[in-house]
Amino acid sequence: MDQILKNYSLLNHLNVSRETLLDFEKFSSMIIEKNGEINIVSKESAKEEIIRNRHIIDSAQVIDFIDLKHDKTTDLGAGGGFPGIISAIMLKHMKKNIKVHLYEKSHHKSSFLRDISRKLNLDTEVIQKDIFKTTELKSGTIMARAFKPLPLVLELVYKNFNSYKNLILFMGKSGQKILEETLKTWELEFEKKESITSKESFLLNITKINKK
């Protein structure tokens, strides 16, 4: 167990419980096992250390911005479960009654997400639909990681969500340049937080979206 705590030392400031870390490890093992059948992550990334650092720890930092007062959180393109499943694991152990809605078009990945949710006893709803064709949505926090370009995500939330608390996006190395270009056509209220996994990346927490 001491080794597990050491492996997740970047999350020390979040006071993540040991039970949460054990679920993270179980999730990682399930990804590696399933990756032989379908590409949850790239074959090169299907190793415990890479999954832990590049995906799990990176996703876990989203908890700082999740609205804990709302009963629903939405992951726009859940994929292999980052950050949706990671958030659901953390919320379970925080004893928060928040359902995580996971939108994923792929039948195989949707089945994987349902299987994970069942085995880890997570409060999720996997929705196998094209989020762009789903309207009049409501949510507390909305999040997206490696989903679509920033302008497309903003357009989606602006048009398809009737109400939401905030939108959290994971921005990579070119994130600042993309943000500056986007601000030419969109009016946003936001805050940035440097990623704990890369000084060149940041989380973007948007609370208001309007077109200029």
Protein backbone atom coordinates (compact mmCIF):
# COMPACT_ATOMS: atom_id res chain seq x y z
CA MET A 1 0.00 0.00 0.00
CA ASP A 2 2.87 2.37 0.72
CA GLN A 3 4.03 1.93 -2.87
CA ILE A 4 0.55 2.81 -4.14
CA LEU A 5 0.56 6.00 -2.06
CA LYS A 6 3.97 6.85 -3.48
CA ASN A 7 2.76 6.21 -7.03
CA TYR A 8 -0.01 8.76 -6.53
CA SER A 9 2.01 11.36 -4.62
CA LEU A 10 0.99 14.09 -7.10
CA LEU A 11 -2.52 13.80 -5.65
CA ASN A 12 -1.47 14.31 -2.03
CA HIS A 13 -2.93 17.81 -1.97
CA LEU A 14 -6.36 16.35 -2.77
CA ASN A 15 -6.33 14.04 0.28
CA VAL A 16 -7.42 11.11 -1.86
CA SER A 17 -8.37 8.08 0.23
CA ARG A 18 -6.58 4.74 0.00
CA GLU A 19 -9.81 3.11 -1.12
CA THR A 20 -9.96 5.56 -4.02
CA LEU A 21 -6.41 4.72 -5.07
CA LEU A 22 -7.19 1.00 -4.93
CA ASP A 23 -10.14 1.57 -7.28
CA PHE A 24 -7.83 3.53 -9.58
CA GLU A 25 -5.49 0.52 -9.67
CA LYS A 26 -8.38 -1.86 -10.38
CA PHE A 27 -9.53 0.39 -13.20
CA SER A 28 -6.03 0.46 -14.67
CA SER A 29 -5.85 -3.35 -14.63
CA MET A 30 -9.23 -3.58 -16.36
CA ILE A 31 -8.06 -1.21 -19.09
CA ILE A 32 -4.94 -3.27 -19.74
CA GLU A 33 -6.98 -6.48 -19.85
CA LYS A 34 -9.61 -5.05 -22.20
CA ASN A 35 -7.12 -3.23 -24.40
CA GLY A 36 -6.26 -6.54 -26.06
CA GLU A 37 -9.79 -6.57 -27.54
CA ILE A 38 -10.50 -2.89 -28.20
CA ASN A 39 -8.34 0.22 -28.11
CA ILE A 40 -9.21 1.89 -24.81
CA VAL A 41 -5.80 3.55 -24.89
CA SER A 42 -3.04 3.20 -27.49
CA LYS A 43 -1.09 -0.06 -27.37
CA GLU A 44 2.03 1.89 -26.43
CA SER A 45 0.17 3.44 -23.48
CA ALA A 46 -1.31 0.21 -22.14
CA LYS A 47 1.13 0.01 -19.24
CA GLU A 48 0.33 0.63 -15.57
CA GLU A 49 2.74 3.53 -15.08
CA ILE A 50 1.66 5.35 -18.25
CA ILE A 51 -2.05 4.86 -17.55
CA ARG A 52 -1.54 6.05 -13.98
CA ASN A 53 0.43 9.20 -14.80
CA ARG A 54 -0.91 10.22 -18.20
CA HIS A 55 -4.56 9.41 -17.66
CA ILE A 56 -5.63 8.69 -14.07
CA ILE A 57 -3.67 11.36 -12.19
CA ASP A 58 -4.25 13.88 -14.96
CA SER A 59 -8.01 13.22 -14.86
CA ALA A 60 -8.23 13.25 -11.05
CA GLN A 61 -7.31 16.93 -10.79
CA VAL A 62 -10.71 17.78 -12.29
CA ILE A 63 -12.25 17.21 -8.85
CA ASP A 64 -11.11 20.70 -7.80
CA PHE A 65 -13.68 22.25 -10.15
CA ILE A 66 -16.60 19.81 -10.01
CA ASP A 67 -19.80 21.34 -8.62
CA LEU A 68 -20.44 19.14 -5.58
CA LYS A 69 -23.87 20.67 -4.92
CA HIS A 70 -25.51 19.47 -8.14
CA ASP A 71 -26.77 15.89 -8.57
CA LYS A 72 -25.38 15.45 -12.08
CA THR A 73 -22.02 15.81 -13.83
CA THR A 74 -21.53 15.22 -17.56
CA ASP A 75 -18.54 13.87 -19.51
CA LEU A 76 -19.02 14.91 -23.14
CA GLY A 77 -16.87 12.23 -24.75
CA ALA A 78 -16.12 9.60 -22.15
CA GLY A 79 -13.97 7.33 -24.33
CA GLY A 80 -12.13 4.98 -22.00
CA GLY A 81 -13.39 6.78 -18.90
CA PHE A 82 -11.15 9.82 -18.60
CA PRO A 83 -12.13 11.92 -16.74
CA GLY A 84 -15.67 10.54 -16.21
CA ILE A 85 -14.90 7.22 -14.55
CA ILE A 86 -12.10 8.75 -12.49
CA SER A 87 -14.51 11.43 -11.27
CA ALA A 88 -17.14 8.81 -10.44
CA ILE A 89 -14.61 6.83 -8.39
CA MET A 90 -13.61 9.91 -6.42
CA LEU A 91 -17.20 11.05 -5.86
CA LYS A 92 -18.15 7.57 -4.62
CA HIS A 93 -15.49 7.63 -1.92
CA MET A 94 -16.30 11.25 -1.04
CA LYS A 95 -19.85 9.94 -0.46
CA LYS A 96 -21.32 12.51 -2.82
CA ASN A 97 -24.69 11.67 -4.35
CA ILE A 98 -23.75 12.79 -7.85
CA LYS A 99 -24.46 10.75 -10.97
CA VAL A 100 -21.88 11.01 -13.74
CA HIS A 101 -23.40 10.94 -17.22
CA LEU A 102 -20.97 9.42 -19.72
CA TYR A 103 -21.67 10.22 -23.37
CA GLU A 104 -19.89 7.80 -25.70
CA LYS A 105 -20.92 6.92 -29.28
CA SER A 106 -18.86 3.73 -29.55
CA HIS A 107 -20.78 0.55 -28.72
CA HIS A 108 -17.63 -1.24 -27.52
CA LYS A 109 -16.44 1.59 -25.30
CA SER A 110 -19.94 2.15 -23.93
CA SER A 111 -20.11 -1.54 -22.97
CA PHE A 112 -16.70 -1.24 -21.32
CA LEU A 113 -17.82 1.81 -19.32
CA ARG A 114 -20.95 -0.01 -18.13
CA ASP A 115 -18.89 -3.04 -17.12
CA ILE A 116 -16.42 -0.87 -15.19
CA SER A 117 -19.25 1.02 -13.47
CA ARG A 118 -20.88 -2.23 -12.39
CA LYS A 119 -17.68 -3.82 -11.09
CA LEU A 120 -16.59 -0.70 -9.19
CA ASN A 121 -20.12 0.15 -8.02
CA LEU A 122 -20.12 3.62 -9.56
CA ASP A 123 -23.06 6.00 -9.86
CA THR A 124 -22.95 6.54 -13.62
CA GLU A 125 -25.24 6.50 -16.62
CA VAL A 126 -23.62 5.53 -19.90
CA ILE A 127 -25.41 7.20 -22.81
CA GLN A 128 -24.53 5.75 -26.22
CA LYS A 129 -25.59 8.74 -28.28
CA ASP A 130 -24.06 11.48 -30.36
CA ILE A 131 -23.96 14.35 -27.87
CA PHE A 132 -24.11 16.84 -30.76
CA LYS A 133 -27.58 15.53 -31.64
CA THR A 134 -28.87 15.67 -28.07
CA THR A 135 -30.53 18.92 -27.04
CA GLU A 136 -32.15 20.60 -24.01
CA LEU A 137 -29.55 19.12 -21.67
CA LYS A 138 -29.01 20.11 -18.06
CA SER A 139 -26.02 19.46 -15.84
CA GLY A 140 -23.98 20.69 -12.94
CA THR A 141 -20.41 20.42 -14.15
CA ILE A 142 -19.64 19.52 -17.77
CA MET A 143 -16.19 18.17 -18.59
CA ALA A 144 -14.24 17.11 -21.65
CA ARG A 145 -10.76 15.70 -22.12
CA ALA A 146 -9.25 14.95 -25.54
CA PHE A 147 -12.72 15.30 -27.06
CA LYS A 148 -13.13 18.06 -29.67
CA PRO A 149 -11.46 21.43 -30.42
CA LEU A 150 -12.35 24.22 -28.00
CA PRO A 151 -14.65 26.19 -30.40
CA LEU A 152 -16.69 23.05 -31.16
CA VAL A 153 -17.13 22.25 -27.47
CA LEU A 154 -18.22 25.81 -26.74
CA GLU A 155 -20.73 25.69 -29.61
CA LEU A 156 -22.08 22.38 -28.29
CA VAL A 157 -22.56 23.62 -24.73
CA TYR A 158 -23.96 26.97 -25.91
CA LYS A 159 -26.58 25.36 -28.16
CA ASN A 160 -27.39 22.02 -26.54
CA PHE A 161 -27.38 22.74 -22.80
CA ASN A 162 -30.25 24.69 -21.27
CA SER A 163 -28.41 25.02 -17.97
CA TYR A 164 -25.07 24.11 -16.45
CA LYS A 165 -22.79 25.27 -13.65
CA ASN A 166 -19.39 25.16 -15.33
CA LEU A 167 -17.40 23.60 -18.16
CA ILE A 168 -13.97 22.07 -17.49
CA LEU A 169 -11.57 21.46 -20.36
CA PHE A 170 -8.09 19.95 -20.41
CA MET A 171 -5.81 22.14 -22.53
CA GLY A 172 -2.49 20.88 -23.91
CA LYS A 173 0.75 22.50 -25.05
CA SER A 174 -0.95 24.71 -27.64
CA GLY A 175 -3.82 25.50 -25.28
CA GLN A 176 -2.94 29.13 -24.66
CA LYS A 177 -2.75 29.91 -28.37
CA ILE A 178 -6.05 28.12 -28.99
CA LEU A 179 -7.67 30.03 -26.14
CA GLU A 180 -6.47 33.39 -27.45
CA GLU A 181 -7.84 32.63 -30.92
CA THR A 182 -11.14 31.44 -29.47
CA LEU A 183 -11.57 34.63 -27.43
CA LYS A 184 -11.79 36.59 -30.68
CA THR A 185 -15.23 35.11 -31.33
CA TRP A 186 -16.37 33.94 -27.89
CA GLU A 187 -16.87 35.86 -24.66
CA LEU A 188 -15.91 33.65 -21.73
CA GLU A 189 -15.68 33.94 -17.97
CA PHE A 190 -13.01 31.49 -16.89
CA GLU A 191 -10.07 30.62 -14.69
CA LYS A 192 -6.97 28.62 -15.53
CA LYS A 193 -5.10 26.17 -13.37
CA GLU A 194 -1.70 24.71 -14.27
CA SER A 195 -1.82 20.95 -14.71
CA ILE A 196 -0.11 18.88 -12.04
CA THR A 197 1.15 16.48 -14.71
CA SER A 198 2.64 19.00 -17.17
CA LYS A 199 3.73 22.62 -16.79
CA GLU A 200 2.85 23.15 -20.45
CA SER A 201 -0.78 22.16 -19.93
CA PHE A 202 -3.66 23.61 -17.93
CA LEU A 203 -7.25 23.11 -16.91
CA LEU A 204 -9.74 25.68 -18.14
CA ASN A 205 -12.76 26.22 -15.89
CA ILE A 206 -15.42 28.18 -17.78
CA THR A 207 -18.45 29.55 -15.96
CA LYS A 208 -20.08 31.66 -18.70
CA ILE A 209 -20.19 31.31 -22.50
CA ASN A 210 -21.48 33.92 -24.94
CA LYS A 211 -20.90 34.69 -28.60
CA LYS A 212 -19.44 38.06 -29.47
